[in-house]
C-alpha atoms as a PDB file:
ATOM      1  CA  MET A   1      -0.013  -0.084   0.016  1.00  0.00           C
ATOM      2  CA  ILE A   2       2.883   2.363   0.726  1.00  0.00           C
ATOM      3  CA  ARG A   3       4.428   1.904  -2.914  1.00  0.00           C
ATOM      4  CA  LYS A   4       1.186   2.488  -4.410  1.00  0.00           C
ATOM      5  CA  ILE A   5       0.895   5.842  -2.443  1.00  0.00           C
ATOM      6  CA  LYS A   6       4.436   6.459  -3.446  1.00  0.00           C
ATOM      7  CA  LEU A   7       4.135   5.650  -6.585  1.00  0.00           C
ATOM      8  CA  ILE A   8       0.366   8.233  -6.973  1.00  0.00           C
ATOM      9  CA  ALA A   9       2.461  10.849  -5.111  1.00  0.00           C
ATOM     10  CA  ILE A  10       5.425  10.424  -8.097  1.00  0.00           C
ATOM     11  CA  LEU A  11       2.597  10.799 -10.846  1.00  0.00           C
ATOM     12  CA  ILE A  12       1.031  13.944  -9.086  1.00  0.00           C
ATOM     13  CA  SER A  13       4.382  15.500  -8.829  1.00  0.00           C
ATOM     14  CA  ALA A  14       5.361  14.975 -12.217  1.00  0.00           C
ATOM     15  CA  LEU A  15       2.249  16.325 -13.440  1.00  0.00           C
ATOM     16  CA  LEU A  16       2.239  19.696 -11.558  1.00  0.00           C
ATOM     17  CA  GLY A  17       5.612  20.111 -10.427  1.00  0.00           C
ATOM     18  CA  LYS A  18       8.497  21.388 -12.270  1.00  0.00           C
ATOM     19  CA  VAL A  19      10.461  18.134 -12.571  1.00  0.00           C
ATOM     20  CA  ILE A  20      12.340  16.226 -15.794  1.00  0.00           C
ATOM     21  CA  ALA A  21       9.948  13.529 -17.632  1.00  0.00           C
ATOM     22  CA  GLN A  22       9.307  12.561 -20.695  1.00  0.00           C
ATOM     23  CA  ASP A  23       6.112  13.523 -22.665  1.00  0.00           C
ATOM     24  CA  PHE A  24       3.512  10.548 -23.402  1.00  0.00           C
ATOM     25  CA  HIS A  25       4.328   8.205 -25.892  1.00  0.00           C
ATOM     26  CA  LEU A  26       3.196   4.607 -27.392  1.00  0.00           C
ATOM     27  CA  SER A  27       4.716   1.041 -27.388  1.00  0.00           C
ATOM     28  CA  MET A  28       3.177   0.644 -30.976  1.00  0.00           C
ATOM     29  CA  TYR A  29       4.864   3.602 -31.734  1.00  0.00           C
ATOM     30  CA  ASP A  30       4.682   3.451 -35.617  1.00  0.00           C
ATOM     31  CA  ALA A  31       1.505   2.234 -36.053  1.00  0.00           C
ATOM     32  CA  ALA A  32       0.178   5.823 -35.731  1.00  0.00           C
ATOM     33  CA  PRO A  33       2.671   7.307 -37.923  1.00  0.00           C
ATOM     34  CA  LEU A  34       1.867  10.929 -37.994  1.00  0.00           C
ATOM     35  CA  PHE A  35       2.687  10.753 -33.903  1.00  0.00           C
ATOM     36  CA  LEU A  36       5.834   9.164 -34.837  1.00  0.00           C
ATOM     37  CA  ASN A  37       7.115  11.431 -37.811  1.00  0.00           C
ATOM     38  CA  PRO A  38       5.354  14.238 -39.652  1.00  0.00           C
ATOM     39  CA  ALA A  39       7.498  12.986 -43.043  1.00  0.00           C
ATOM     40  CA  MET A  40       5.229  10.220 -43.017  1.00  0.00           C
ATOM     41  CA  THR A  41       1.942  12.192 -43.643  1.00  0.00           C
ATOM     42  CA  GLY A  42       0.557  10.805 -46.908  1.00  0.00           C
ATOM     43  CA  LEU A  43       3.198   8.020 -47.699  1.00  0.00           C
ATOM     44  CA  ILE A  44       0.747   5.657 -48.690  1.00  0.00           C
ATOM     45  CA  ASP A  45      -0.491   3.746 -51.810  1.00  0.00           C
ATOM     46  CA  THR A  46      -4.045   4.402 -51.726  1.00  0.00           C
ATOM     47  CA  LYS A  47      -6.000   7.343 -51.793  1.00  0.00           C
ATOM     48  CA  MET A  48      -6.496   7.716 -47.826  1.00  0.00           C
ATOM     49  CA  ARG A  49      -5.428   6.852 -44.168  1.00  0.00           C
ATOM     50  CA  ALA A  50      -7.541   7.185 -41.222  1.00  0.00           C
ATOM     51  CA  HIS A  51      -5.951   5.811 -38.153  1.00  0.00           C
ATOM     52  CA  ILE A  52      -7.012   5.346 -34.234  1.00  0.00           C
ATOM     53  CA  GLN A  53      -5.007   4.256 -31.223  1.00  0.00           C
ATOM     54  CA  TYR A  54      -5.889   3.754 -27.427  1.00  0.00           C
ATOM     55  CA  ARG A  55      -3.476   2.999 -24.341  1.00  0.00           C
ATOM     56  CA  THR A  56      -4.197   2.882 -20.771  1.00  0.00           C
ATOM     57  CA  GLN A  57      -1.416   2.333 -18.423  1.00  0.00           C
ATOM     58  CA  TRP A  58      -0.914   1.477 -14.726  1.00  0.00           C
ATOM     59  CA  SER A  59      -4.496   0.471 -14.080  1.00  0.00           C
ATOM     60  CA  ALA A  60      -2.902  -1.946 -11.248  1.00  0.00           C
ATOM     61  CA  VAL A  61      -1.692   0.527  -8.947  1.00  0.00           C
ATOM     62  CA  ALA A  62      -3.460   3.980  -9.939  1.00  0.00           C
ATOM     63  CA  TYR A  63      -6.838   4.862  -9.214  1.00  0.00           C
ATOM     64  CA  LYS A  64      -7.233   6.761 -12.151  1.00  0.00           C
ATOM     65  CA  PRO A  65      -4.498   5.484 -14.686  1.00  0.00           C
ATOM     66  CA  ILE A  66      -2.594   7.289 -17.441  1.00  0.00           C
ATOM     67  CA  THR A  67      -4.990   6.716 -20.855  1.00  0.00           C
ATOM     68  CA  THR A  68      -3.424   8.158 -24.540  1.00  0.00           C
ATOM     69  CA  GLY A  69      -6.287   8.067 -27.724  1.00  0.00           C
ATOM     70  CA  ILE A  70      -5.143   9.392 -30.853  1.00  0.00           C
ATOM     71  CA  VAL A  71      -7.278   9.951 -34.068  1.00  0.00           C
ATOM     72  CA  SER A  72      -5.277  10.963 -37.441  1.00  0.00           C
ATOM     73  CA  PHE A  73      -6.390  11.417 -41.141  1.00  0.00           C
ATOM     74  CA  ASP A  74      -4.012  11.836 -43.773  1.00  0.00           C
ATOM     75  CA  MET A  75      -3.926  11.202 -47.737  1.00  0.00           C
ATOM     76  CA  PRO A  76      -1.568  12.095 -50.733  1.00  0.00           C
ATOM     77  CA  SER A  77      -2.202  14.874 -52.851  1.00  0.00           C
ATOM     78  CA  LYS A  78      -1.467  15.407 -56.410  1.00  0.00           C
ATOM     79  CA  GLY A  79       2.546  15.588 -57.053  1.00  0.00           C
ATOM     80  CA  LYS A  80       4.825  14.730 -54.126  1.00  0.00           C
ATOM     81  CA  TRP A  81       2.907  16.274 -51.124  1.00  0.00           C
ATOM     82  CA  GLY A  82       1.235  14.765 -48.253  1.00  0.00           C
ATOM     83  CA  PHE A  83      -1.525  16.344 -46.167  1.00  0.00           C
ATOM     84  CA  GLY A  84      -3.253  15.010 -42.883  1.00  0.00           C
ATOM     85  CA  GLY A  85      -4.310  15.745 -39.721  1.00  0.00           C
ATOM     86  CA  GLN A  86      -4.022  14.501 -35.792  1.00  0.00           C
ATOM     87  CA  ILE A  87      -5.955  14.807 -32.450  1.00  0.00           C
ATOM     88  CA  SER A  88      -4.546  13.154 -29.415  1.00  0.00           C
ATOM     89  CA  ASN A  89      -5.606  13.053 -25.900  1.00  0.00           C
ATOM     90  CA  MET A  90      -4.202  12.206 -22.699  1.00  0.00           C
ATOM     91  CA  ARG A  91      -5.412  12.195 -19.162  1.00  0.00           C
ATOM     92  CA  ALA A  92      -3.475  10.877 -16.158  1.00  0.00           C
ATOM     93  CA  GLY A  93      -4.019  10.878 -12.379  1.00  0.00           C
ATOM     94  CA  LEU A  94      -6.295  12.080  -9.571  1.00  0.00           C
ATOM     95  CA  SER A  95      -6.249  15.678 -10.822  1.00  0.00           C
ATOM     96  CA  ASN A  96      -7.587  14.851 -14.108  1.00  0.00           C
ATOM     97  CA  TYR A  97      -4.770  16.187 -15.591  1.00  0.00           C
ATOM     98  CA  ASN A  98      -5.610  16.294 -19.441  1.00  0.00           C
ATOM     99  CA  VAL A  99      -3.697  17.116 -22.739  1.00  0.00           C
ATOM    100  CA  LEU A 100      -5.488  17.889 -25.822  1.00  0.00           C
ATOM    101  CA  GLN A 101      -3.664  18.317 -29.043  1.00  0.00           C
ATOM    102  CA  ILE A 102      -4.843  19.428 -32.444  1.00  0.00           C
ATOM    103  CA  LEU A 103      -1.884  19.197 -34.851  1.00  0.00           C
ATOM    104  CA  GLY A 104      -2.269  19.881 -38.915  1.00  0.00           C
ATOM    105  CA  SER A 105       0.694  17.980 -40.879  1.00  0.00           C
ATOM    106  CA  ALA A 106       1.806  18.336 -44.464  1.00  0.00           C
ATOM    107  CA  SER A 107       4.820  16.329 -46.132  1.00  0.00           C
ATOM    108  CA  TYR A 108       6.925  16.632 -49.126  1.00  0.00           C
ATOM    109  CA  ALA A 109       8.701  13.905 -50.758  1.00  0.00           C
ATOM    110  CA  VAL A 110      11.304  13.419 -53.417  1.00  0.00           C
ATOM    111  CA  PRO A 111      13.517  10.610 -55.171  1.00  0.00           C
ATOM    112  CA  ILE A 112      17.381  10.979 -54.753  1.00  0.00           C
ATOM    113  CA  ASP A 113      18.084   8.618 -57.275  1.00  0.00           C
ATOM    114  CA  LYS A 114      17.011   8.444 -61.320  1.00  0.00           C
ATOM    115  CA  ALA A 115      15.483   4.831 -60.766  1.00  0.00           C
ATOM    116  CA  LYS A 116      13.145   6.796 -57.996  1.00  0.00           C
ATOM    117  CA  TYR A 117      13.755   3.968 -55.356  1.00  0.00           C
ATOM    118  CA  HIS A 118      15.641   6.063 -52.834  1.00  0.00           C
ATOM    119  CA  ASN A 119      13.589   8.959 -51.435  1.00  0.00           C
ATOM    120  CA  LEU A 120      13.503  11.777 -48.766  1.00  0.00           C
ATOM    121  CA  SER A 121      10.621  12.824 -47.208  1.00  0.00           C
ATOM    122  CA  MET A 122      10.407  16.010 -45.273  1.00  0.00           C
ATOM    123  CA  GLY A 123       7.477  17.355 -42.988  1.00  0.00           C
ATOM    124  CA  LEU A 124       6.051  19.555 -40.901  1.00  0.00           C
ATOM    125  CA  GLN A 125       3.118  19.747 -38.154  1.00  0.00           C
ATOM    126  CA  ALA A 126       1.737  22.726 -36.566  1.00  0.00           C
ATOM    127  CA  GLY A 127      -1.399  23.267 -34.234  1.00  0.00           C
ATOM    128  CA  VAL A 128      -1.984  23.869 -30.562  1.00  0.00           C
ATOM    129  CA  THR A 129      -1.962  21.784 -27.138  1.00  0.00           C
ATOM    130  CA  GLN A 130      -4.538  22.519 -24.263  1.00  0.00           C
ATOM    131  CA  LYS A 131      -3.198  21.567 -20.793  1.00  0.00           C
ATOM    132  CA  ARG A 132      -5.675  21.269 -17.766  1.00  0.00           C
ATOM    133  CA  ALA A 133      -5.344  20.272 -14.054  1.00  0.00           C
ATOM    134  CA  GLU A 134      -8.245  20.046 -11.819  1.00  0.00           C
ATOM    135  CA  TYR A 135      -6.040  20.923  -8.663  1.00  0.00           C
ATOM    136  CA  GLN A 136      -8.993  22.082  -6.555  1.00  0.00           C
ATOM    137  CA  VAL A 137      -9.998  18.156  -6.086  1.00  0.00           C
ATOM    138  CA  LEU A 138      -6.226  17.344  -4.642  1.00  0.00           C
ATOM    139  CA  SER A 139      -5.310  17.358  -0.655  1.00  0.00           C
ATOM    140  CA  TYR A 140      -2.039  19.090   0.304  1.00  0.00           C
ATOM    141  CA  ASP A 141       0.158  18.812   3.486  1.00  0.00           C
ATOM    142  CA  SER A 142      -1.293  22.329   5.008  1.00  0.00           C
ATOM    143  CA  GLN A 143      -4.844  20.471   4.940  1.00  0.00           C
ATOM    144  CA  TRP A 144      -4.041  17.880   7.159  1.00  0.00           C
ATOM    145  CA  SER A 145      -6.284  18.272  10.302  1.00  0.00           C
ATOM    146  CA  ASN A 146      -5.551  15.827  13.705  1.00  0.00           C
ATOM    147  CA  ALA A 147      -8.962  16.513  14.647  1.00  0.00           C
ATOM    148  CA  SER A 148     -10.805  12.953  14.703  1.00  0.00           C
ATOM    149  CA  GLY A 149      -7.814  10.760  14.488  1.00  0.00           C
ATOM    150  CA  GLY A 150      -6.572  13.219  11.492  1.00  0.00           C
ATOM    151  CA  SER A 151      -7.637  13.382   7.770  1.00  0.00           C
ATOM    152  CA  PHE A 152      -7.422  16.314   5.136  1.00  0.00           C
ATOM    153  CA  ASP A 153      -9.627  19.112   5.139  1.00  0.00           C
ATOM    154  CA  ARG A 154     -10.178  20.675   1.963  1.00  0.00           C
ATOM    155  CA  SER A 155     -11.776  23.697   3.498  1.00  0.00           C
ATOM    156  CA  LEU A 156      -8.394  24.655   4.896  1.00  0.00           C
ATOM    157  CA  PRO A 157      -6.365  27.041   2.323  1.00  0.00           C
ATOM    158  CA  ASN A 158      -3.663  25.033   0.249  1.00  0.00           C
ATOM    159  CA  ASN A 159      -1.372  27.778   0.534  1.00  0.00           C
ATOM    160  CA  GLU A 160      -0.307  27.016  -3.089  1.00  0.00           C
ATOM    161  CA  ASN A 161       0.096  29.541  -5.606  1.00  0.00           C
ATOM    162  CA  PHE A 162      -1.815  28.099  -8.716  1.00  0.00           C
ATOM    163  CA  ALA A 163      -2.333  31.036 -11.134  1.00  0.00           C
ATOM    164  CA  ARG A 164      -4.681  29.096 -13.624  1.00  0.00           C
ATOM    165  CA  GLY A 165      -5.825  25.528 -14.086  1.00  0.00           C
ATOM    166  CA  VAL A 166      -5.961  25.742 -17.867  1.00  0.00           C
ATOM    167  CA  GLN A 167      -3.141  26.798 -20.431  1.00  0.00           C
ATOM    168  CA  PHE A 168      -2.625  26.896 -24.038  1.00  0.00           C
ATOM    169  CA  GLN A 169       0.697  25.929 -26.011  1.00  0.00           C
ATOM    170  CA  GLU A 170       1.650  26.323 -29.974  1.00  0.00           C
ATOM    171  CA  VAL A 171       3.246  23.403 -31.339  1.00  0.00           C
ATOM    172  CA  VAL A 172       5.507  23.198 -33.976  1.00  0.00           C
ATOM    173  CA  ASN A 173       7.124  19.591 -35.263  1.00  0.00           C
ATOM    174  CA  PHE A 174       9.559  18.394 -38.246  1.00  0.00           C
ATOM    175  CA  GLY A 175      10.565  15.401 -39.356  1.00  0.00           C
ATOM    176  CA  LEU A 176      12.881  13.951 -42.054  1.00  0.00           C
ATOM    177  CA  LEU A 177      12.483  10.095 -43.424  1.00  0.00           C
ATOM    178  CA  TYR A 178      14.999   8.441 -46.007  1.00  0.00           C
ATOM    179  CA  TYR A 179      13.270   5.210 -47.455  1.00  0.00           C
ATOM    180  CA  TYR A 180      14.031   2.695 -50.188  1.00  0.00           C
ATOM    181  CA  SER A 181      11.038   2.114 -51.847  1.00  0.00           C
ATOM    182  CA  LYS A 182      11.484  -0.929 -54.730  1.00  0.00           C
ATOM    183  CA  GLN A 183       8.821  -3.372 -53.836  1.00  0.00           C
ATOM    184  CA  GLN A 184      10.661  -6.113 -55.649  1.00  0.00           C
ATOM    185  CA  SER A 185      13.882  -6.011 -53.525  1.00  0.00           C
ATOM    186  CA  ARG A 186      14.441  -8.437 -50.623  1.00  0.00           C
ATOM    187  CA  ILE A 187      15.352  -5.552 -48.450  1.00  0.00           C
ATOM    188  CA  ASN A 188      13.888  -2.173 -47.779  1.00  0.00           C
ATOM    189  CA  PRO A 189      15.457   0.081 -44.824  1.00  0.00           C
ATOM    190  CA  PHE A 190      14.612   3.296 -43.663  1.00  0.00           C
ATOM    191  CA  LEU A 191      15.692   5.753 -41.178  1.00  0.00           C
ATOM    192  CA  GLY A 192      14.093   9.052 -39.990  1.00  0.00           C
ATOM    193  CA  ILE A 193      14.540  11.800 -37.730  1.00  0.00           C
ATOM    194  CA  SER A 194      11.721  13.739 -36.104  1.00  0.00           C
ATOM    195  CA  GLY A 195      11.823  16.741 -33.562  1.00  0.00           C
ATOM    196  CA  PHE A 196       8.553  17.923 -31.400  1.00  0.00           C
ATOM    197  CA  ASN A 197       8.088  21.062 -29.335  1.00  0.00           C
ATOM    198  CA  LEU A 198      10.749  22.935 -31.251  1.00  0.00           C
ATOM    199  CA  THR A 199       9.215  26.555 -30.214  1.00  0.00           C
ATOM    200  CA  ARG A 200      10.224  25.333 -26.518  1.00  0.00           C
ATOM    201  CA  PRO A 201       6.388  26.790 -25.492  1.00  0.00           C
ATOM    202  CA  ARG A 202       6.055  27.806 -21.720  1.00  0.00           C
ATOM    203  CA  GLU A 203       4.519  25.357 -19.507  1.00  0.00           C
ATOM    204  CA  THR A 204       3.435  26.314 -16.340  1.00  0.00           C
ATOM    205  CA  PHE A 205       0.423  26.359 -13.808  1.00  0.00           C
ATOM    206  CA  PHE A 206       1.986  28.358 -11.102  1.00  0.00           C
ATOM    207  CA  GLY A 207       3.068  31.365 -13.437  1.00  0.00           C
ATOM    208  CA  SER A 208       6.807  30.676 -13.732  1.00  0.00           C
ATOM    209  CA  ASP A 209       9.155  30.785 -16.925  1.00  0.00           C
ATOM    210  CA  ASN A 210       9.108  27.100 -17.020  1.00  0.00           C
ATOM    211  CA  ARG A 211       9.716  25.921 -20.599  1.00  0.00           C
ATOM    212  CA  LEU A 212       8.867  22.511 -22.241  1.00  0.00           C
ATOM    213  CA  PRO A 213      12.139  20.736 -23.166  1.00  0.00           C
ATOM    214  CA  MET A 214      12.341  19.770 -27.142  1.00  0.00           C
ATOM    215  CA  ARG A 215      11.889  16.145 -27.795  1.00  0.00           C
ATOM    216  CA  PHE A 216      13.770  13.950 -30.653  1.00  0.00           C
ATOM    217  CA  TYR A 217      13.287  10.755 -32.336  1.00  0.00           C
ATOM    218  CA  MET A 218      15.648   8.648 -34.283  1.00  0.00           C
ATOM    219  CA  HIS A 219      14.043   5.372 -35.851  1.00  0.00           C
ATOM    220  CA  GLY A 220      15.301   3.213 -38.289  1.00  0.00           C
ATOM    221  CA  GLY A 221      15.151  -0.489 -39.672  1.00  0.00           C
ATOM    222  CA  VAL A 222      14.911  -2.562 -42.556  1.00  0.00           C
ATOM    223  CA  ARG A 223      12.064  -4.648 -43.932  1.00  0.00           C
ATOM    224  CA  VAL A 224      13.293  -8.240 -45.203  1.00  0.00           C
ATOM    225  CA  ASN A 225      11.151  -9.978 -47.605  1.00  0.00           C
ATOM    226  CA  VAL A 226      11.879 -13.738 -46.938  1.00  0.00           C
ATOM    227  CA  ASN A 227       9.313 -14.778 -49.700  1.00  0.00           C
ATOM    228  CA  GLU A 228       6.411 -13.646 -51.032  1.00  0.00           C
ATOM    229  CA  LEU A 229       4.686 -14.613 -47.974  1.00  0.00           C
ATOM    230  CA  PHE A 230       6.711 -13.927 -45.192  1.00  0.00           C
ATOM    231  CA  TYR A 231       8.634 -10.804 -44.017  1.00  0.00           C
ATOM    232  CA  PHE A 232      10.173  -9.368 -40.444  1.00  0.00           C
ATOM    233  CA  ILE A 233      11.238  -5.762 -39.908  1.00  0.00           C
ATOM    234  CA  PRO A 234      14.273  -5.378 -37.198  1.00  0.00           C
ATOM    235  CA  LYS A 235      13.801  -1.723 -36.025  1.00  0.00           C
ATOM    236  CA  VAL A 236      15.053   0.707 -33.356  1.00  0.00           C
ATOM    237  CA  LEU A 237      13.666   3.847 -31.765  1.00  0.00           C
ATOM    238  CA  VAL A 238      15.770   6.184 -29.723  1.00  0.00           C
ATOM    239  CA  MET A 239      13.865   9.212 -27.672  1.00  0.00           C
ATOM    240  CA  ILE A 240      15.703  12.265 -26.166  1.00  0.00           C
ATOM    241  CA  GLN A 241      13.998  14.726 -24.080  1.00  0.00           C
ATOM    242  CA  ASP A 242      16.158  17.191 -21.939  1.00  0.00           C
ATOM    243  CA  LYS A 243      18.243  14.649 -20.216  1.00  0.00           C
ATOM    244  CA  VAL A 244      16.152  11.689 -20.589  1.00  0.00           C
ATOM    245  CA  VAL A 245      17.036   9.155 -22.953  1.00  0.00           C
ATOM    246  CA  GLU A 246      14.921   5.819 -23.908  1.00  0.00           C
ATOM    247  CA  GLN A 247      15.717   3.015 -26.568  1.00  0.00           C
ATOM    248  CA  THR A 248      13.340   0.539 -27.866  1.00  0.00           C
ATOM    249  CA  TYR A 249      14.049  -2.346 -29.778  1.00  0.00           C
ATOM    250  CA  ALA A 250      11.408  -4.287 -31.679  1.00  0.00           C
ATOM    251  CA  VAL A 251      11.026  -6.785 -34.529  1.00  0.00           C
ATOM    252  CA  ASP A 252       7.738  -7.176 -36.304  1.00  0.00           C
ATOM    253  CA  ALA A 253       6.858 -10.032 -38.486  1.00  0.00           C
ATOM    254  CA  GLY A 254       4.010 -10.769 -41.158  1.00  0.00           C
ATOM    255  CA  TYR A 255       2.948 -13.929 -42.864  1.00  0.00           C
ATOM    256  CA  TYR A 256       0.099 -14.127 -45.581  1.00  0.00           C
ATOM    257  CA  MET A 257      -2.500 -16.559 -45.433  1.00  0.00           C
ATOM    258  CA  LYS A 258      -3.066 -17.838 -48.662  1.00  0.00           C
ATOM    259  CA  GLY A 259      -6.477 -19.247 -48.340  1.00  0.00           C
ATOM    260  CA  GLU A 260      -7.773 -16.610 -45.994  1.00  0.00           C
ATOM    261  CA  LYS A 261      -6.371 -13.961 -47.716  1.00  0.00           C
ATOM    262  CA  PHE A 262      -5.118 -12.139 -44.748  1.00  0.00           C
ATOM    263  CA  TYR A 263      -1.894 -11.196 -43.266  1.00  0.00           C
ATOM    264  CA  LEU A 264      -1.118 -12.277 -39.955  1.00  0.00           C
ATOM    265  CA  LEU A 265       0.961  -9.864 -37.606  1.00  0.00           C
ATOM    266  CA  ALA A 266       3.159 -10.239 -34.321  1.00  0.00           C
ATOM    267  CA  GLY A 267       5.793  -8.266 -33.094  1.00  0.00           C
ATOM    268  CA  TYR A 268       8.098  -7.853 -29.797  1.00  0.00           C
ATOM    269  CA  ILE A 269       9.170  -4.350 -28.445  1.00  0.00           C
ATOM    270  CA  PHE A 270      12.065  -4.306 -25.474  1.00  0.00           C
ATOM    271  CA  ARG A 271      12.516  -0.916 -23.427  1.00  0.00           C
ATOM    272  CA  PRO A 272      15.570  -1.653 -21.489  1.00  0.00           C
ATOM    273  CA  GLY A 273      15.036  -1.507 -18.054  1.00  0.00           C
ATOM    274  CA  ASP A 274      11.099  -0.533 -18.595  1.00  0.00           C
ATOM    275  CA  ALA A 275       9.059  -3.138 -20.390  1.00  0.00           C
ATOM    276  CA  SER A 276       8.520  -5.811 -22.617  1.00  0.00           C
ATOM    277  CA  VAL A 277       5.865  -5.449 -24.943  1.00  0.00           C
ATOM    278  CA  GLY A 278       3.962  -8.157 -26.906  1.00  0.00           C
ATOM    279  CA  TYR A 279       1.543  -7.538 -29.816  1.00  0.00           C
ATOM    280  CA  ILE A 280      -0.592  -9.477 -32.354  1.00  0.00           C
ATOM    281  CA  GLY A 281      -2.470  -8.473 -35.085  1.00  0.00           C
ATOM    282  CA  LEU A 282      -3.626  -8.998 -38.797  1.00  0.00           C
ATOM    283  CA  LYS A 283      -4.061  -7.023 -41.950  1.00  0.00           C
ATOM    284  CA  LYS A 284      -7.171  -8.171 -44.310  1.00  0.00           C
ATOM    285  CA  ASP A 285      -8.066  -5.754 -47.376  1.00  0.00           C
ATOM    286  CA  SER A 286      -8.326  -2.141 -45.953  1.00  0.00           C
ATOM    287  CA  TYR A 287      -7.912  -2.948 -42.387  1.00  0.00           C
ATOM    288  CA  ILE A 288      -5.160  -3.325 -40.059  1.00  0.00           C
ATOM    289  CA  ILE A 289      -5.867  -4.396 -36.209  1.00  0.00           C
ATOM    290  CA  LYS A 290      -2.987  -4.379 -33.656  1.00  0.00           C
ATOM    291  CA  MET A 291      -3.330  -5.223 -29.975  1.00  0.00           C
ATOM    292  CA  GLY A 292      -0.303  -5.108 -27.841  1.00  0.00           C
ATOM    293  CA  TYR A 293       0.376  -5.807 -23.770  1.00  0.00           C
ATOM    294  CA  ASP A 294       3.059  -4.184 -21.699  1.00  0.00           C
ATOM    295  CA  VAL A 295       4.574  -6.119 -19.160  1.00  0.00           C
ATOM    296  CA  ASN A 296       6.546  -4.047 -16.410  1.00  0.00           C
ATOM    297  CA  THR A 297      10.405  -4.819 -16.081  1.00  0.00           C
ATOM    298  CA  SER A 298      11.438  -1.444 -13.974  1.00  0.00           C
ATOM    299  CA  SER A 299      11.923  -1.162 -10.367  1.00  0.00           C
ATOM    300  CA  LEU A 300       7.928  -0.891 -10.002  1.00  0.00           C
ATOM    301  CA  ARG A 301       7.735  -4.391 -11.077  1.00  0.00           C
ATOM    302  CA  SER A 302       6.561  -5.930  -7.382  1.00  0.00           C
ATOM    303  CA  THR A 303       4.011  -2.982  -7.065  1.00  0.00           C
ATOM    304  CA  SER A 304       2.639  -3.205 -10.450  1.00  0.00           C
ATOM    305  CA  LYS A 305       2.644  -7.208 -10.335  1.00  0.00           C
ATOM    306  CA  ALA A 306       4.327  -6.869 -14.086  1.00  0.00           C
ATOM    307  CA  ARG A 307       1.151  -5.080 -14.930  1.00  0.00           C
ATOM    308  CA  GLY A 308       2.288  -2.404 -17.862  1.00  0.00           C
ATOM    309  CA  ALA A 309      -0.257  -1.058 -20.696  1.00  0.00           C
ATOM    310  CA  PHE A 310      -2.955  -2.193 -22.982  1.00  0.00           C
ATOM    311  CA  GLU A 311      -2.587  -1.044 -26.343  1.00  0.00           C
ATOM    312  CA  ILE A 312      -5.017  -1.643 -29.757  1.00  0.00           C
ATOM    313  CA  SER A 313      -5.204   0.639 -32.949  1.00  0.00           C
ATOM    314  CA  LEU A 314      -7.027   0.481 -35.895  1.00  0.00           C
ATOM    315  CA  THR A 315      -5.916   1.673 -39.386  1.00  0.00           C
ATOM    316  CA  TYR A 316      -8.239   1.963 -42.515  1.00  0.00           C
ATOM    317  CA  MET A 317      -6.381   2.441 -45.739  1.00  0.00           C
ATOM    318  CA  GLY A 318      -8.978   3.211 -48.051  1.00  0.00           C
ATOM    319  CA  LYS A 319      -8.689   2.212 -51.980  1.00  0.00           C
ATOM    320  CA  THR A 320      -5.563   1.878 -53.965  1.00  0.00           C
ATOM    321  CA  LYS A 321      -5.272   4.355 -56.172  1.00  0.00           C
ATOM    322  CA  LYS A 322      -4.834   3.440 -60.008  1.00  0.00           C
ATOM    323  CA  VAL A 323      -1.666   1.542 -60.788  1.00  0.00           C
ATOM    324  CA  GLN A 324       0.057   4.478 -62.963  1.00  0.00           C
ATOM    325  CA  ASP A 325      -0.899   6.776 -59.736  1.00  0.00           C
ATOM    326  CA  ILE A 326       0.607   4.537 -57.179  1.00  0.00           C
ATOM    327  CA  LYS A 327       3.446   6.338 -54.919  1.00  0.00           C
ATOM    328  CA  ASN A 328       5.908   3.754 -53.226  1.00  0.00           C
ATOM    329  CA  CYS A 329       5.919   4.318 -49.517  1.00  0.00           C
ATOM    330  CA  PRO A 330       8.358   2.869 -46.640  1.00  0.00           C
ATOM    331  CA  ARG A 331       7.068  -0.279 -46.122  1.00  0.00           C
ATOM    332  CA  LEU A 332       6.207  -0.608 -42.378  1.00  0.00           C
END
């Protein structure tokens, strides 16, 4: 019980205080391409892509777990452009700390060789974030009363200097992506880098000059087409924000079931010192669905009983473009 109380206290402090921490993030990170890298906007062989993803974490130890929901839409335009948008909502803690973000996204992709197999895409995102905390529902040390054996009395002053409970921030993100798009090739490598919070917007509920640190992703991998039915993708993701560095190693695999005409998908994701994640899924016609689960391997393992997070994603790819209009994409 004491460990659970400490964990909740840490979460509240991270949300309302001035500490070094990472932004919300996903385990199945490339299931949501606009969340990973703006340069992936519109890089598809279909007329459009719609995506939803949901994650819930720490339900084993927190009264109100951390939840993340994402909805996105993107499409290729005439020429080399891609356009889209993303809405994400993230909530955590007893104070109902909530982050709502609305982004517009655009990309421009160009081949860098005569055969048009090597490609470079550049992407830009811009929008607004609303952050809100209901600090009135929390209890503070100054509200402790020894009456009747001791309890918190919210009618007492909290002695905190909250300037407001709602704030708005501008958002500017940028990304680059290289990919090899020859579909007949046995290997298709890709490498990307993306930067978030580039304007370092002011982030505070107390009226201070605290600035949100920039966040950087470096991700890469290679799709290996073993034969016409089976492929696998070893990949890596490195996330850096201020002094926090997180590494993720993963492998995806897909096997085409000829009789049922769908791809059976599976994968394993490992974050050293944090979690092991497994997922399964399938791809049939225009639909891709994935379900993943995090097993906690951090120092909180004994408290959480190894239970981490559940995550699910659903993608609709729309109708395939005419053959002469197909734009090769990174085979993720």
